[in-house]
Amino acid sequence: EIIFLHATQPSSTRKRMNLPICLLVDNGSLRPEAIFSLRRVAQKLSLETPFKVIPVGLLHSNKVDSALLDGVSGETIGTFLSDEQPNTQNELMVLPFFFGPSRGITEWLIEKLEEWKSRDSTRSYRVLDPLFKGNELQLAQALQDEIENTSNLQSPEKYKVALVDHGTPVQVVNQVREAVGDQLKDLLSEQAIGFSTCSMERREGDEYSFNDPLLENLLIEWAEGGATQVIVALFFLLSGRHAGKEGDLAEICTKVKKQFPAINILLTNPLGEHEIIFKILCERLHASKN
């Protein structure tokens, strides 16, 4: 059981003396809305757990004009580790804001942390598990909730569901989407008349065919088959270049709707600020103390 501290309790009263700084790490973004969203999650974690949680991206976030970020510059793992604060610490903990074991956290992040560690023999770091570990239903339940919220905005007709992620060259990352997709398909068995996982894009070559079908091709196939109601469930955590308003996914859907005016395509919200995601993050931090 997780016991939350009251949100108004000052952090100075918490027993943080023996706890490492925690970095909430995502891919990074050039879109302010994604950085603000990550900051909100980190702030909430700092208020409701004993940890000081700092939001950082792997890349890009430091390139956003600070004037668009309420005057506070975005952080990447590189800018953070070169700053004064981590160099006064001998222990860091990383809470990945990723669904699965992306190369960003298994390779790039580890490389940066090893560089930081190598500068002082007393330093250590720990990287916690990503959001999906293998068989828990939480991500599928969060997606189901977003789908139901989206469908309730429209007619009660039955709908098809396309669970879409970015696409990946790493098959183990794709397997996370497929596992969650299987769970979601079962949860939606009474509501959906069709279901498929898909990718926004993929690399060329048969070795990356595990990403298929692509979202655009799937939507065209369904439209040609007479589908009129489709919900695109975003397997994304944050709005940005892909999942944000007027982003790549919205453009794909608009393109298909222009070609097939009879089809109604709705997109869910990204999952990053869903209460279930926050609960998972709290569970990771709580378990790290044991």
C-alpha atoms as a PDB file:
ATOM      1  CA  GLU A   1       0.000   0.000   0.000  1.00  0.00           C
ATOM      2  CA  ILE A   2       1.278   3.472  -0.916  1.00  0.00           C
ATOM      3  CA  ILE A   3       0.773   6.185   1.678  1.00  0.00           C
ATOM      4  CA  PHE A   4       0.718   9.637   0.098  1.00  0.00           C
ATOM      5  CA  LEU A   5       1.947  12.664   1.957  1.00  0.00           C
ATOM      6  CA  HIS A   6      -0.430  15.587   1.995  1.00  0.00           C
ATOM      7  CA  ALA A   7       0.198  17.768  -1.036  1.00  0.00           C
ATOM      8  CA  THR A   8       0.520  20.935   1.019  1.00  0.00           C
ATOM      9  CA  GLN A   9       3.184  19.574   3.336  1.00  0.00           C
ATOM     10  CA  PRO A  10       6.400  21.554   2.768  1.00  0.00           C
ATOM     11  CA  SER A  11       9.171  19.462   1.247  1.00  0.00           C
ATOM     12  CA  SER A  12      11.562  20.730   3.915  1.00  0.00           C
ATOM     13  CA  THR A  13       9.671  18.683   6.509  1.00  0.00           C
ATOM     14  CA  ARG A  14      10.126  15.426   4.613  1.00  0.00           C
ATOM     15  CA  LYS A  15      12.759  12.873   5.460  1.00  0.00           C
ATOM     16  CA  ARG A  16      14.814  13.336   2.306  1.00  0.00           C
ATOM     17  CA  MET A  17      18.205  13.346   3.961  1.00  0.00           C
ATOM     18  CA  ASN A  18      19.089   9.821   2.884  1.00  0.00           C
ATOM     19  CA  LEU A  19      17.196   9.745  -0.415  1.00  0.00           C
ATOM     20  CA  PRO A  20      18.894  10.358  -3.768  1.00  0.00           C
ATOM     21  CA  ILE A  21      17.736  13.006  -6.207  1.00  0.00           C
ATOM     22  CA  CYS A  22      15.285  11.407  -8.617  1.00  0.00           C
ATOM     23  CA  LEU A  23      15.289  12.299 -12.309  1.00  0.00           C
ATOM     24  CA  LEU A  24      12.023  11.799 -14.205  1.00  0.00           C
ATOM     25  CA  VAL A  25      13.430  11.192 -17.689  1.00  0.00           C
ATOM     26  CA  ASP A  26      11.585  11.235 -21.008  1.00  0.00           C
ATOM     27  CA  ASN A  27      12.821  11.398 -24.605  1.00  0.00           C
ATOM     28  CA  GLY A  28      12.836  15.183 -24.584  1.00  0.00           C
ATOM     29  CA  SER A  29      10.920  17.493 -26.894  1.00  0.00           C
ATOM     30  CA  LEU A  30      11.097  20.732 -28.822  1.00  0.00           C
ATOM     31  CA  ARG A  31       7.445  21.394 -27.947  1.00  0.00           C
ATOM     32  CA  PRO A  32       6.778  23.453 -24.790  1.00  0.00           C
ATOM     33  CA  GLU A  33       3.545  21.548 -24.032  1.00  0.00           C
ATOM     34  CA  ALA A  34       5.479  18.294 -23.603  1.00  0.00           C
ATOM     35  CA  ILE A  35       7.979  19.910 -21.235  1.00  0.00           C
ATOM     36  CA  PHE A  36       5.200  21.514 -19.182  1.00  0.00           C
ATOM     37  CA  SER A  37       3.435  18.166 -18.919  1.00  0.00           C
ATOM     38  CA  LEU A  38       6.570  16.397 -17.685  1.00  0.00           C
ATOM     39  CA  ARG A  39       7.118  19.214 -15.182  1.00  0.00           C
ATOM     40  CA  ARG A  40       3.604  18.815 -13.811  1.00  0.00           C
ATOM     41  CA  VAL A  41       4.128  15.105 -13.249  1.00  0.00           C
ATOM     42  CA  ALA A  42       7.499  15.688 -11.571  1.00  0.00           C
ATOM     43  CA  GLN A  43       6.067  18.410  -9.339  1.00  0.00           C
ATOM     44  CA  LYS A  44       3.193  16.177  -8.276  1.00  0.00           C
ATOM     45  CA  LEU A  45       5.611  13.343  -7.475  1.00  0.00           C
ATOM     46  CA  SER A  46       7.731  15.739  -5.419  1.00  0.00           C
ATOM     47  CA  LEU A  47       4.666  16.797  -3.463  1.00  0.00           C
ATOM     48  CA  GLU A  48       3.226  13.345  -2.868  1.00  0.00           C
ATOM     49  CA  THR A  49       6.346  11.238  -2.306  1.00  0.00           C
ATOM     50  CA  PRO A  50       9.440  11.839  -0.147  1.00  0.00           C
ATOM     51  CA  PHE A  51      11.627  12.306  -3.221  1.00  0.00           C
ATOM     52  CA  LYS A  52      12.801  15.460  -4.920  1.00  0.00           C
ATOM     53  CA  VAL A  53      11.891  14.730  -8.544  1.00  0.00           C
ATOM     54  CA  ILE A  54      13.485  16.701 -11.371  1.00  0.00           C
ATOM     55  CA  PRO A  55      12.132  16.524 -14.951  1.00  0.00           C
ATOM     56  CA  VAL A  56      14.735  16.076 -17.699  1.00  0.00           C
ATOM     57  CA  GLY A  57      14.703  14.936 -21.315  1.00  0.00           C
ATOM     58  CA  LEU A  58      17.276  12.745 -22.974  1.00  0.00           C
ATOM     59  CA  LEU A  59      17.655  15.275 -25.780  1.00  0.00           C
ATOM     60  CA  HIS A  60      16.221  18.487 -27.279  1.00  0.00           C
ATOM     61  CA  SER A  61      14.470  20.044 -24.253  1.00  0.00           C
ATOM     62  CA  ASN A  62      17.286  22.534 -23.616  1.00  0.00           C
ATOM     63  CA  LYS A  63      16.823  23.974 -27.113  1.00  0.00           C
ATOM     64  CA  VAL A  64      13.367  25.417 -26.380  1.00  0.00           C
ATOM     65  CA  ASP A  65      13.324  29.181 -25.805  1.00  0.00           C
ATOM     66  CA  SER A  66      12.995  29.673 -22.051  1.00  0.00           C
ATOM     67  CA  ALA A  67      10.544  32.511 -22.746  1.00  0.00           C
ATOM     68  CA  LEU A  68       8.117  29.793 -23.883  1.00  0.00           C
ATOM     69  CA  LEU A  69       8.729  27.846 -20.653  1.00  0.00           C
ATOM     70  CA  ASP A  70       7.805  30.492 -18.076  1.00  0.00           C
ATOM     71  CA  GLY A  71      11.405  31.648 -18.037  1.00  0.00           C
ATOM     72  CA  VAL A  72      12.767  28.296 -16.841  1.00  0.00           C
ATOM     73  CA  SER A  73      15.066  26.588 -19.331  1.00  0.00           C
ATOM     74  CA  GLY A  74      14.384  22.993 -20.266  1.00  0.00           C
ATOM     75  CA  GLU A  75      16.828  20.359 -19.033  1.00  0.00           C
ATOM     76  CA  THR A  76      18.399  17.377 -20.757  1.00  0.00           C
ATOM     77  CA  ILE A  77      20.389  14.666 -19.053  1.00  0.00           C
ATOM     78  CA  GLY A  78      23.500  16.276 -20.518  1.00  0.00           C
ATOM     79  CA  THR A  79      22.812  19.782 -19.219  1.00  0.00           C
ATOM     80  CA  PHE A  80      21.713  18.467 -15.838  1.00  0.00           C
ATOM     81  CA  LEU A  81      24.785  16.288 -15.269  1.00  0.00           C
ATOM     82  CA  SER A  82      27.116  19.148 -16.210  1.00  0.00           C
ATOM     83  CA  ASP A  83      25.430  21.475 -13.699  1.00  0.00           C
ATOM     84  CA  GLU A  84      26.545  22.078 -10.128  1.00  0.00           C
ATOM     85  CA  GLN A  85      23.701  20.229  -8.377  1.00  0.00           C
ATOM     86  CA  PRO A  86      24.450  16.632  -9.480  1.00  0.00           C
ATOM     87  CA  ASN A  87      28.145  17.177  -8.883  1.00  0.00           C
ATOM     88  CA  THR A  88      27.459  17.724  -5.180  1.00  0.00           C
ATOM     89  CA  GLN A  89      25.626  14.359  -5.041  1.00  0.00           C
ATOM     90  CA  ASN A  90      27.071  10.881  -4.871  1.00  0.00           C
ATOM     91  CA  GLU A  91      23.847   9.068  -5.757  1.00  0.00           C
ATOM     92  CA  LEU A  92      21.233   9.575  -8.457  1.00  0.00           C
ATOM     93  CA  MET A  93      18.075   7.655  -9.243  1.00  0.00           C
ATOM     94  CA  VAL A  94      16.330   7.660 -12.617  1.00  0.00           C
ATOM     95  CA  LEU A  95      12.600   7.107 -13.042  1.00  0.00           C
ATOM     96  CA  PRO A  96      12.069   6.376 -16.763  1.00  0.00           C
ATOM     97  CA  PHE A  97       9.028   8.016 -18.348  1.00  0.00           C
ATOM     98  CA  PHE A  98       8.954   5.313 -21.002  1.00  0.00           C
ATOM     99  CA  PHE A  99       6.594   2.413 -21.636  1.00  0.00           C
ATOM    100  CA  GLY A 100       9.390  -0.071 -22.281  1.00  0.00           C
ATOM    101  CA  PRO A 101      13.174  -0.518 -22.531  1.00  0.00           C
ATOM    102  CA  SER A 102      13.928   2.030 -25.233  1.00  0.00           C
ATOM    103  CA  ARG A 103      17.535   2.326 -26.366  1.00  0.00           C
ATOM    104  CA  GLY A 104      17.364   5.868 -25.074  1.00  0.00           C
ATOM    105  CA  ILE A 105      17.394   4.561 -21.516  1.00  0.00           C
ATOM    106  CA  THR A 106      19.303   1.303 -22.004  1.00  0.00           C
ATOM    107  CA  GLU A 107      22.145   2.888 -24.002  1.00  0.00           C
ATOM    108  CA  TRP A 108      22.210   6.700 -24.299  1.00  0.00           C
ATOM    109  CA  LEU A 109      21.176   7.409 -20.708  1.00  0.00           C
ATOM    110  CA  ILE A 110      23.528   4.778 -19.273  1.00  0.00           C
ATOM    111  CA  GLU A 111      26.416   6.231 -21.277  1.00  0.00           C
ATOM    112  CA  LYS A 112      25.806   9.688 -19.785  1.00  0.00           C
ATOM    113  CA  LEU A 113      25.417   8.329 -16.262  1.00  0.00           C
ATOM    114  CA  GLU A 114      28.609   6.296 -16.574  1.00  0.00           C
ATOM    115  CA  GLU A 115      30.478   9.441 -17.619  1.00  0.00           C
ATOM    116  CA  TRP A 116      29.151  11.241 -14.526  1.00  0.00           C
ATOM    117  CA  LYS A 117      30.018   8.282 -12.293  1.00  0.00           C
ATOM    118  CA  SER A 118      33.557   7.977 -13.675  1.00  0.00           C
ATOM    119  CA  ARG A 119      34.464  11.444 -12.368  1.00  0.00           C
ATOM    120  CA  ASP A 120      34.167  10.344  -8.714  1.00  0.00           C
ATOM    121  CA  SER A 121      34.645   6.814  -7.381  1.00  0.00           C
ATOM    122  CA  THR A 122      32.025   7.387  -4.641  1.00  0.00           C
ATOM    123  CA  ARG A 123      29.226   8.033  -7.124  1.00  0.00           C
ATOM    124  CA  SER A 124      26.484   5.584  -7.987  1.00  0.00           C
ATOM    125  CA  TYR A 125      23.200   5.606  -9.850  1.00  0.00           C
ATOM    126  CA  ARG A 126      20.132   3.441 -10.207  1.00  0.00           C
ATOM    127  CA  VAL A 127      17.664   3.229 -13.093  1.00  0.00           C
ATOM    128  CA  LEU A 128      14.193   2.014 -12.139  1.00  0.00           C
ATOM    129  CA  ASP A 129      11.885  -0.048 -14.347  1.00  0.00           C
ATOM    130  CA  PRO A 130       9.911   1.558 -17.184  1.00  0.00           C
ATOM    131  CA  LEU A 131       6.130   1.739 -16.948  1.00  0.00           C
ATOM    132  CA  PHE A 132       5.408  -1.770 -18.254  1.00  0.00           C
ATOM    133  CA  LYS A 133       7.204  -4.723 -16.704  1.00  0.00           C
ATOM    134  CA  GLY A 134       5.413  -7.670 -18.253  1.00  0.00           C
ATOM    135  CA  ASN A 135       1.865  -8.601 -17.322  1.00  0.00           C
ATOM    136  CA  GLU A 136       0.234  -5.838 -15.290  1.00  0.00           C
ATOM    137  CA  LEU A 137      -3.018  -4.418 -16.685  1.00  0.00           C
ATOM    138  CA  GLN A 138      -2.556  -0.798 -15.689  1.00  0.00           C
ATOM    139  CA  LEU A 139      -1.550   0.629 -19.061  1.00  0.00           C
ATOM    140  CA  ALA A 140      -4.375  -1.182 -20.845  1.00  0.00           C
ATOM    141  CA  GLN A 141      -6.819   0.118 -18.235  1.00  0.00           C
ATOM    142  CA  ALA A 142      -5.586   3.686 -18.729  1.00  0.00           C
ATOM    143  CA  LEU A 143      -6.038   3.318 -22.481  1.00  0.00           C
ATOM    144  CA  GLN A 144      -9.509   1.868 -22.005  1.00  0.00           C
ATOM    145  CA  ASP A 145     -10.423   4.846 -19.850  1.00  0.00           C
ATOM    146  CA  GLU A 146      -9.219   7.323 -22.476  1.00  0.00           C
ATOM    147  CA  ILE A 147     -11.060   5.429 -25.212  1.00  0.00           C
ATOM    148  CA  GLU A 148     -14.310   5.417 -23.238  1.00  0.00           C
ATOM    149  CA  ASN A 149     -13.960   9.130 -22.492  1.00  0.00           C
ATOM    150  CA  THR A 150     -13.393   9.820 -26.182  1.00  0.00           C
ATOM    151  CA  SER A 151     -16.263   7.635 -27.391  1.00  0.00           C
ATOM    152  CA  ASN A 152     -18.674   9.234 -24.936  1.00  0.00           C
ATOM    153  CA  LEU A 153     -18.098  12.557 -26.649  1.00  0.00           C
ATOM    154  CA  GLN A 154     -19.690  11.204 -29.795  1.00  0.00           C
ATOM    155  CA  SER A 155     -22.491   8.817 -30.741  1.00  0.00           C
ATOM    156  CA  PRO A 156     -22.843   5.503 -28.899  1.00  0.00           C
ATOM    157  CA  GLU A 157     -22.170   3.554 -32.082  1.00  0.00           C
ATOM    158  CA  LYS A 158     -19.717   0.677 -32.015  1.00  0.00           C
ATOM    159  CA  TYR A 159     -16.236   1.632 -33.130  1.00  0.00           C
ATOM    160  CA  LYS A 160     -12.949   0.202 -34.301  1.00  0.00           C
ATOM    161  CA  VAL A 161      -9.810   0.937 -32.263  1.00  0.00           C
ATOM    162  CA  ALA A 162      -6.286   1.442 -33.577  1.00  0.00           C
ATOM    163  CA  LEU A 163      -3.603   1.413 -30.867  1.00  0.00           C
ATOM    164  CA  VAL A 164      -0.729   3.416 -32.316  1.00  0.00           C
ATOM    165  CA  ASP A 165       2.825   4.081 -31.178  1.00  0.00           C
ATOM    166  CA  HIS A 166       5.677   5.801 -32.945  1.00  0.00           C
ATOM    167  CA  GLY A 167       7.287   2.661 -34.300  1.00  0.00           C
ATOM    168  CA  THR A 168      10.661   1.330 -33.190  1.00  0.00           C
ATOM    169  CA  PRO A 169      13.759  -0.460 -34.479  1.00  0.00           C
ATOM    170  CA  VAL A 170      13.879  -2.420 -31.191  1.00  0.00           C
ATOM    171  CA  GLN A 171      11.638  -5.481 -31.206  1.00  0.00           C
ATOM    172  CA  VAL A 172      11.511  -5.780 -27.411  1.00  0.00           C
ATOM    173  CA  VAL A 173       9.993  -2.277 -27.304  1.00  0.00           C
ATOM    174  CA  ASN A 174       7.438  -3.293 -29.926  1.00  0.00           C
ATOM    175  CA  GLN A 175       6.580  -6.328 -27.798  1.00  0.00           C
ATOM    176  CA  VAL A 176       5.456  -3.989 -25.024  1.00  0.00           C
ATOM    177  CA  ARG A 177       2.908  -2.407 -27.372  1.00  0.00           C
ATOM    178  CA  GLU A 178       1.762  -5.821 -28.539  1.00  0.00           C
ATOM    179  CA  ALA A 179       1.349  -7.129 -24.998  1.00  0.00           C
ATOM    180  CA  VAL A 180      -0.629  -4.070 -23.930  1.00  0.00           C
ATOM    181  CA  GLY A 181      -2.608  -4.313 -27.170  1.00  0.00           C
ATOM    182  CA  ASP A 182      -3.640  -7.892 -26.396  1.00  0.00           C
ATOM    183  CA  GLN A 183      -4.827  -6.791 -22.953  1.00  0.00           C
ATOM    184  CA  LEU A 184      -6.693  -3.800 -24.356  1.00  0.00           C
ATOM    185  CA  LYS A 185      -8.395  -5.904 -27.008  1.00  0.00           C
ATOM    186  CA  ASP A 186      -9.794  -8.152 -24.255  1.00  0.00           C
ATOM    187  CA  LEU A 187     -10.933  -5.180 -22.180  1.00  0.00           C
ATOM    188  CA  LEU A 188     -12.757  -3.699 -25.194  1.00  0.00           C
ATOM    189  CA  SER A 189     -14.394  -6.937 -26.345  1.00  0.00           C
ATOM    190  CA  GLU A 190     -17.891  -5.629 -25.542  1.00  0.00           C
ATOM    191  CA  GLN A 191     -17.355  -2.177 -27.002  1.00  0.00           C
ATOM    192  CA  ALA A 192     -15.194  -2.402 -30.112  1.00  0.00           C
ATOM    193  CA  ILE A 193     -16.072  -4.124 -33.381  1.00  0.00           C
ATOM    194  CA  GLY A 194     -12.475  -4.165 -34.559  1.00  0.00           C
ATOM    195  CA  PHE A 195      -9.026  -3.733 -33.081  1.00  0.00           C
ATOM    196  CA  SER A 196      -5.449  -3.516 -34.308  1.00  0.00           C
ATOM    197  CA  THR A 197      -2.093  -2.298 -33.133  1.00  0.00           C
ATOM    198  CA  CYS A 198      -0.137  -0.160 -35.577  1.00  0.00           C
ATOM    199  CA  SER A 199       2.788   2.242 -35.925  1.00  0.00           C
ATOM    200  CA  MET A 200       3.007   5.837 -37.040  1.00  0.00           C
ATOM    201  CA  GLU A 201       6.121   5.080 -39.086  1.00  0.00           C
ATOM    202  CA  ARG A 202       8.824   2.441 -39.509  1.00  0.00           C
ATOM    203  CA  ARG A 203      12.250   1.957 -40.984  1.00  0.00           C
ATOM    204  CA  GLU A 204      12.610   0.331 -44.385  1.00  0.00           C
ATOM    205  CA  GLY A 205      13.461  -3.357 -44.523  1.00  0.00           C
ATOM    206  CA  ASP A 206      11.862  -6.687 -43.672  1.00  0.00           C
ATOM    207  CA  GLU A 207      13.704  -6.762 -40.353  1.00  0.00           C
ATOM    208  CA  TYR A 208      11.424  -3.946 -39.139  1.00  0.00           C
ATOM    209  CA  SER A 209       8.156  -5.443 -40.399  1.00  0.00           C
ATOM    210  CA  PHE A 210       7.098  -6.155 -36.816  1.00  0.00           C
ATOM    211  CA  ASN A 211       5.952  -2.506 -36.760  1.00  0.00           C
ATOM    212  CA  ASP A 212       3.285  -3.129 -39.408  1.00  0.00           C
ATOM    213  CA  PRO A 213       0.646  -2.111 -40.177  1.00  0.00           C
ATOM    214  CA  LEU A 214       1.201   1.601 -40.443  1.00  0.00           C
ATOM    215  CA  LEU A 215      -1.634   3.743 -39.104  1.00  0.00           C
ATOM    216  CA  GLU A 216      -2.371   5.388 -42.457  1.00  0.00           C
ATOM    217  CA  ASN A 217      -2.611   2.053 -44.275  1.00  0.00           C
ATOM    218  CA  LEU A 218      -4.816   0.589 -41.545  1.00  0.00           C
ATOM    219  CA  LEU A 219      -7.226   3.535 -41.606  1.00  0.00           C
ATOM    220  CA  ILE A 220      -7.496   3.336 -45.397  1.00  0.00           C
ATOM    221  CA  GLU A 221      -8.181  -0.410 -45.216  1.00  0.00           C
ATOM    222  CA  TRP A 222     -10.912   0.116 -42.612  1.00  0.00           C
ATOM    223  CA  ALA A 223     -12.445   3.011 -44.548  1.00  0.00           C
ATOM    224  CA  GLU A 224     -12.530   0.977 -47.742  1.00  0.00           C
ATOM    225  CA  GLY A 225     -14.249  -1.774 -45.758  1.00  0.00           C
ATOM    226  CA  GLY A 226     -17.020   0.598 -44.714  1.00  0.00           C
ATOM    227  CA  ALA A 227     -15.926   1.608 -41.218  1.00  0.00           C
ATOM    228  CA  THR A 228     -17.484   4.861 -40.063  1.00  0.00           C
ATOM    229  CA  GLN A 229     -16.310   5.158 -36.430  1.00  0.00           C
ATOM    230  CA  VAL A 230     -12.631   4.782 -35.502  1.00  0.00           C
ATOM    231  CA  ILE A 231     -10.815   5.719 -32.321  1.00  0.00           C
ATOM    232  CA  VAL A 232      -7.047   6.101 -32.559  1.00  0.00           C
ATOM    233  CA  ALA A 233      -5.697   5.268 -29.107  1.00  0.00           C
ATOM    234  CA  LEU A 234      -2.373   7.032 -28.614  1.00  0.00           C
ATOM    235  CA  PHE A 235       0.324   4.878 -27.024  1.00  0.00           C
ATOM    236  CA  PHE A 236       2.224   8.055 -26.293  1.00  0.00           C
ATOM    237  CA  LEU A 237       2.891   9.725 -22.956  1.00  0.00           C
ATOM    238  CA  LEU A 238       3.150  13.391 -23.944  1.00  0.00           C
ATOM    239  CA  SER A 239       1.847  15.776 -26.568  1.00  0.00           C
ATOM    240  CA  GLY A 240       4.524  16.923 -28.960  1.00  0.00           C
ATOM    241  CA  ARG A 241       5.506  16.801 -32.604  1.00  0.00           C
ATOM    242  CA  HIS A 242       3.783  13.440 -33.071  1.00  0.00           C
ATOM    243  CA  ALA A 243       0.889  13.284 -30.602  1.00  0.00           C
ATOM    244  CA  GLY A 244       0.141  16.979 -30.142  1.00  0.00           C
ATOM    245  CA  LYS A 245      -2.464  19.168 -31.784  1.00  0.00           C
ATOM    246  CA  GLU A 246      -1.710  19.432 -35.497  1.00  0.00           C
ATOM    247  CA  GLY A 247       1.007  16.829 -34.948  1.00  0.00           C
ATOM    248  CA  ASP A 248       1.975  13.994 -37.278  1.00  0.00           C
ATOM    249  CA  LEU A 249      -0.777  11.647 -36.083  1.00  0.00           C
ATOM    250  CA  ALA A 250      -3.489  14.276 -36.480  1.00  0.00           C
ATOM    251  CA  GLU A 251      -2.219  14.997 -39.980  1.00  0.00           C
ATOM    252  CA  ILE A 252      -2.421  11.312 -40.920  1.00  0.00           C
ATOM    253  CA  CYS A 253      -6.013  11.137 -39.686  1.00  0.00           C
ATOM    254  CA  THR A 254      -6.991  14.338 -41.492  1.00  0.00           C
ATOM    255  CA  LYS A 255      -5.477  13.030 -44.721  1.00  0.00           C
ATOM    256  CA  VAL A 256      -7.530   9.836 -44.539  1.00  0.00           C
ATOM    257  CA  LYS A 257     -10.729  11.708 -43.639  1.00  0.00           C
ATOM    258  CA  LYS A 258     -10.319  13.921 -46.706  1.00  0.00           C
ATOM    259  CA  GLN A 259     -10.005  10.805 -48.853  1.00  0.00           C
ATOM    260  CA  PHE A 260     -12.933   9.048 -47.127  1.00  0.00           C
ATOM    261  CA  PRO A 261     -15.404  11.691 -45.835  1.00  0.00           C
ATOM    262  CA  ALA A 262     -17.752   9.066 -44.343  1.00  0.00           C
ATOM    263  CA  ILE A 263     -15.257   7.958 -41.710  1.00  0.00           C
ATOM    264  CA  ASN A 264     -15.146   9.657 -38.323  1.00  0.00           C
ATOM    265  CA  ILE A 265     -11.716   9.379 -36.664  1.00  0.00           C
ATOM    266  CA  LEU A 266     -11.202  10.422 -33.046  1.00  0.00           C
ATOM    267  CA  LEU A 267      -7.882  10.567 -31.188  1.00  0.00           C
ATOM    268  CA  THR A 268      -7.457   9.940 -27.465  1.00  0.00           C
ATOM    269  CA  ASN A 269      -5.274  12.033 -25.209  1.00  0.00           C
ATOM    270  CA  PRO A 270      -1.692  10.955 -24.491  1.00  0.00           C
ATOM    271  CA  LEU A 271      -1.400   8.956 -21.274  1.00  0.00           C
ATOM    272  CA  GLY A 272       1.307  10.875 -19.419  1.00  0.00           C
ATOM    273  CA  GLU A 273      -0.897  12.736 -16.959  1.00  0.00           C
ATOM    274  CA  HIS A 274      -3.442   9.964 -16.432  1.00  0.00           C
ATOM    275  CA  GLU A 275      -3.930   9.034 -12.780  1.00  0.00           C
ATOM    276  CA  ILE A 276      -2.987   5.400 -13.483  1.00  0.00           C
ATOM    277  CA  ILE A 277       0.386   6.463 -14.890  1.00  0.00           C
ATOM    278  CA  PHE A 278       0.975   8.590 -11.808  1.00  0.00           C
ATOM    279  CA  LYS A 279       0.121   5.618  -9.596  1.00  0.00           C
ATOM    280  CA  ILE A 280       2.686   3.450 -11.425  1.00  0.00           C
ATOM    281  CA  LEU A 281       5.358   6.103 -10.943  1.00  0.00           C
ATOM    282  CA  CYS A 282       4.538   6.346  -7.244  1.00  0.00           C
ATOM    283  CA  GLU A 283       4.764   2.563  -6.959  1.00  0.00           C
ATOM    284  CA  ARG A 284       8.223   2.622  -8.562  1.00  0.00           C
ATOM    285  CA  LEU A 285       9.447   5.247  -6.085  1.00  0.00           C
ATOM    286  CA  HIS A 286       7.868   3.499  -3.126  1.00  0.00           C
ATOM    287  CA  ALA A 287       9.477   0.172  -4.077  1.00  0.00           C
ATOM    288  CA  SER A 288      12.885   1.815  -4.542  1.00  0.00           C
ATOM    289  CA  LYS A 289      13.050   2.530  -0.815  1.00  0.00           C
ATOM    290  CA  ASN A 290      12.804  -1.154   0.122  1.00  0.00           C
END
